[in-house]
Amino acid sequence: MQLASEVRRRLKIILPQVLAVGVIGYFAYHAVQGERGFLAYLHLSQELAEAEAVAAAVASERAELSSKVDRLRSGSIDPDLLEERARALLNYGYPEEAVVLLEPYSSIN
């Protein structure tokens, strides 16, 4: 009888502490490993940085292409760019120019 009352008394003292440690452990684990935890935050911030880098590259390419288009408009044609594009698309060249034909890269050893 005395042993049972001693066990109950100690259990009343220890049980709240064990439950508190369990609850704190549960929330600490999910704060780090959970779906919205610290590691998920690091992963998302890395993905965001990669997406921003891609967006910056695409914006730069778009600005470059927009600049080329602006230079090819009829109101403000850049003669050098027009000549370059005509020569590339129509395979034109000056009579005094030498043309060097190369083999495709895959067949060169």
C-alpha atoms as a PDB file:
ATOM      1  CA  MET A   1       0.000   0.000   0.000  1.00  0.00           C
ATOM      2  CA  GLN A   2       2.749   2.398   0.929  1.00  0.00           C
ATOM      3  CA  LEU A   3       4.676   1.525  -2.274  1.00  0.00           C
ATOM      4  CA  ALA A   4       1.669   2.243  -4.480  1.00  0.00           C
ATOM      5  CA  SER A   5       1.095   5.646  -2.901  1.00  0.00           C
ATOM      6  CA  GLU A   6       4.796   6.491  -3.308  1.00  0.00           C
ATOM      7  CA  VAL A   7       4.650   5.541  -7.031  1.00  0.00           C
ATOM      8  CA  ARG A   8       1.528   7.671  -7.556  1.00  0.00           C
ATOM      9  CA  ARG A   9       3.099  10.633  -5.802  1.00  0.00           C
ATOM     10  CA  ARG A  10       6.288  10.456  -7.915  1.00  0.00           C
ATOM     11  CA  LEU A  11       4.260   9.876 -11.091  1.00  0.00           C
ATOM     12  CA  LYS A  12       2.281  13.058 -10.405  1.00  0.00           C
ATOM     13  CA  ILE A  13       5.577  14.953 -10.178  1.00  0.00           C
ATOM     14  CA  ILE A  14       7.327  13.370 -13.208  1.00  0.00           C
ATOM     15  CA  LEU A  15       4.449  12.999 -15.683  1.00  0.00           C
ATOM     16  CA  PRO A  16       3.946  16.728 -16.459  1.00  0.00           C
ATOM     17  CA  GLN A  17       7.673  17.153 -17.047  1.00  0.00           C
ATOM     18  CA  VAL A  18       7.812  14.157 -19.399  1.00  0.00           C
ATOM     19  CA  LEU A  19       4.777  15.441 -21.298  1.00  0.00           C
ATOM     20  CA  ALA A  20       6.304  18.918 -21.555  1.00  0.00           C
ATOM     21  CA  VAL A  21       9.564  17.492 -22.938  1.00  0.00           C
ATOM     22  CA  GLY A  22       7.566  15.401 -25.431  1.00  0.00           C
ATOM     23  CA  VAL A  23       5.537  18.395 -26.633  1.00  0.00           C
ATOM     24  CA  ILE A  24       8.647  20.589 -26.920  1.00  0.00           C
ATOM     25  CA  GLY A  25      10.449  17.807 -28.796  1.00  0.00           C
ATOM     26  CA  TYR A  26       7.520  17.399 -31.182  1.00  0.00           C
ATOM     27  CA  PHE A  27       7.384  21.091 -32.048  1.00  0.00           C
ATOM     28  CA  ALA A  28      11.186  21.391 -32.280  1.00  0.00           C
ATOM     29  CA  TYR A  29      11.345  18.462 -34.715  1.00  0.00           C
ATOM     30  CA  HIS A  30       8.642  19.932 -36.943  1.00  0.00           C
ATOM     31  CA  ALA A  31      10.190  23.400 -36.765  1.00  0.00           C
ATOM     32  CA  VAL A  32      13.313  21.943 -38.370  1.00  0.00           C
ATOM     33  CA  GLN A  33      12.126  18.989 -40.462  1.00  0.00           C
ATOM     34  CA  GLY A  34       8.488  19.833 -41.134  1.00  0.00           C
ATOM     35  CA  GLU A  35       6.806  20.823 -44.367  1.00  0.00           C
ATOM     36  CA  ARG A  36       7.187  24.497 -43.436  1.00  0.00           C
ATOM     37  CA  GLY A  37      10.291  24.046 -41.279  1.00  0.00           C
ATOM     38  CA  PHE A  38      13.758  25.531 -41.450  1.00  0.00           C
ATOM     39  CA  LEU A  39      15.139  23.013 -43.974  1.00  0.00           C
ATOM     40  CA  ALA A  40      12.162  23.578 -46.271  1.00  0.00           C
ATOM     41  CA  TYR A  41      12.799  27.321 -46.001  1.00  0.00           C
ATOM     42  CA  LEU A  42      16.429  26.846 -47.043  1.00  0.00           C
ATOM     43  CA  HIS A  43      15.371  24.694 -49.995  1.00  0.00           C
ATOM     44  CA  LEU A  44      12.773  27.234 -51.139  1.00  0.00           C
ATOM     45  CA  SER A  45      15.180  30.143 -50.807  1.00  0.00           C
ATOM     46  CA  GLN A  46      17.703  28.256 -52.965  1.00  0.00           C
ATOM     47  CA  GLU A  47      15.028  27.605 -55.605  1.00  0.00           C
ATOM     48  CA  LEU A  48      14.050  31.279 -55.473  1.00  0.00           C
ATOM     49  CA  ALA A  49      17.647  32.363 -56.071  1.00  0.00           C
ATOM     50  CA  GLU A  50      17.905  30.015 -59.060  1.00  0.00           C
ATOM     51  CA  ALA A  51      14.607  31.290 -60.486  1.00  0.00           C
ATOM     52  CA  GLU A  52      15.716  34.904 -60.064  1.00  0.00           C
ATOM     53  CA  ALA A  53      18.979  34.130 -61.889  1.00  0.00           C
ATOM     54  CA  VAL A  54      17.049  32.549 -64.764  1.00  0.00           C
ATOM     55  CA  ALA A  55      14.654  35.505 -64.839  1.00  0.00           C
ATOM     56  CA  ALA A  56      17.571  37.945 -64.986  1.00  0.00           C
ATOM     57  CA  ALA A  57      19.159  35.995 -67.862  1.00  0.00           C
ATOM     58  CA  VAL A  58      15.871  35.902 -69.774  1.00  0.00           C
ATOM     59  CA  ALA A  59      15.297  39.620 -69.186  1.00  0.00           C
ATOM     60  CA  SER A  60      18.795  40.375 -70.451  1.00  0.00           C
ATOM     61  CA  GLU A  61      18.239  38.257 -73.571  1.00  0.00           C
ATOM     62  CA  ARG A  62      14.875  39.909 -74.139  1.00  0.00           C
ATOM     63  CA  ALA A  63      16.398  43.383 -73.838  1.00  0.00           C
ATOM     64  CA  GLU A  64      19.095  42.426 -76.337  1.00  0.00           C
ATOM     65  CA  LEU A  65      16.549  41.069 -78.820  1.00  0.00           C
ATOM     66  CA  SER A  66      14.351  44.114 -78.332  1.00  0.00           C
ATOM     67  CA  SER A  67      17.329  46.330 -79.071  1.00  0.00           C
ATOM     68  CA  LYS A  68      18.002  44.405 -82.292  1.00  0.00           C
ATOM     69  CA  VAL A  69      14.364  44.703 -83.330  1.00  0.00           C
ATOM     70  CA  ASP A  70      14.414  48.446 -82.657  1.00  0.00           C
ATOM     71  CA  ARG A  71      17.506  48.830 -84.837  1.00  0.00           C
ATOM     72  CA  LEU A  72      15.801  46.940 -87.689  1.00  0.00           C
ATOM     73  CA  ARG A  73      12.633  49.065 -87.732  1.00  0.00           C
ATOM     74  CA  SER A  74      12.076  51.062 -90.897  1.00  0.00           C
ATOM     75  CA  GLY A  75      12.339  54.459 -89.186  1.00  0.00           C
ATOM     76  CA  SER A  76      15.789  53.873 -87.723  1.00  0.00           C
ATOM     77  CA  ILE A  77      17.521  51.059 -89.595  1.00  0.00           C
ATOM     78  CA  ASP A  78      21.083  50.343 -88.583  1.00  0.00           C
ATOM     79  CA  PRO A  79      22.853  49.705 -91.910  1.00  0.00           C
ATOM     80  CA  ASP A  80      25.536  47.488 -90.398  1.00  0.00           C
ATOM     81  CA  LEU A  81      23.012  45.240 -88.684  1.00  0.00           C
ATOM     82  CA  LEU A  82      20.893  45.051 -91.841  1.00  0.00           C
ATOM     83  CA  GLU A  83      23.931  44.056 -93.895  1.00  0.00           C
ATOM     84  CA  GLU A  84      24.964  41.466 -91.326  1.00  0.00           C
ATOM     85  CA  ARG A  85      21.520  39.857 -91.267  1.00  0.00           C
ATOM     86  CA  ALA A  86      21.183  39.898 -95.079  1.00  0.00           C
ATOM     87  CA  ARG A  87      24.582  38.276 -95.509  1.00  0.00           C
ATOM     88  CA  ALA A  88      23.814  35.611 -92.901  1.00  0.00           C
ATOM     89  CA  LEU A  89      20.331  34.760 -94.168  1.00  0.00           C
ATOM     90  CA  LEU A  90      20.961  35.057 -97.917  1.00  0.00           C
ATOM     91  CA  ASN A  91      24.549  33.765 -97.954  1.00  0.00           C
ATOM     92  CA  TYR A  92      25.818  36.864 -99.711  1.00  0.00           C
ATOM     93  CA  GLY A  93      29.362  38.127 -99.609  1.00  0.00           C
ATOM     94  CA  TYR A  94      31.660  40.558-101.328  1.00  0.00           C
ATOM     95  CA  PRO A  95      33.619  39.359-104.367  1.00  0.00           C
ATOM     96  CA  GLU A  96      36.984  39.923-102.663  1.00  0.00           C
ATOM     97  CA  GLU A  97      36.066  37.862 -99.592  1.00  0.00           C
ATOM     98  CA  ALA A  98      37.359  34.318 -99.127  1.00  0.00           C
ATOM     99  CA  VAL A  99      34.931  31.719 -97.830  1.00  0.00           C
ATOM    100  CA  VAL A 100      36.264  28.912 -95.635  1.00  0.00           C
ATOM    101  CA  LEU A 101      33.989  25.895 -95.234  1.00  0.00           C
ATOM    102  CA  LEU A 102      34.537  23.788 -92.138  1.00  0.00           C
ATOM    103  CA  GLU A 103      33.484  20.224 -91.475  1.00  0.00           C
ATOM    104  CA  PRO A 104      30.906  19.661 -88.768  1.00  0.00           C
ATOM    105  CA  TYR A 105      32.395  19.408 -85.281  1.00  0.00           C
ATOM    106  CA  SER A 106      31.223  15.822 -84.738  1.00  0.00           C
ATOM    107  CA  SER A 107      33.300  14.435 -87.660  1.00  0.00           C
ATOM    108  CA  ILE A 108      36.551  16.147 -86.614  1.00  0.00           C
ATOM    109  CA  ASN A 109      38.880  13.870 -84.607  1.00  0.00           C
END
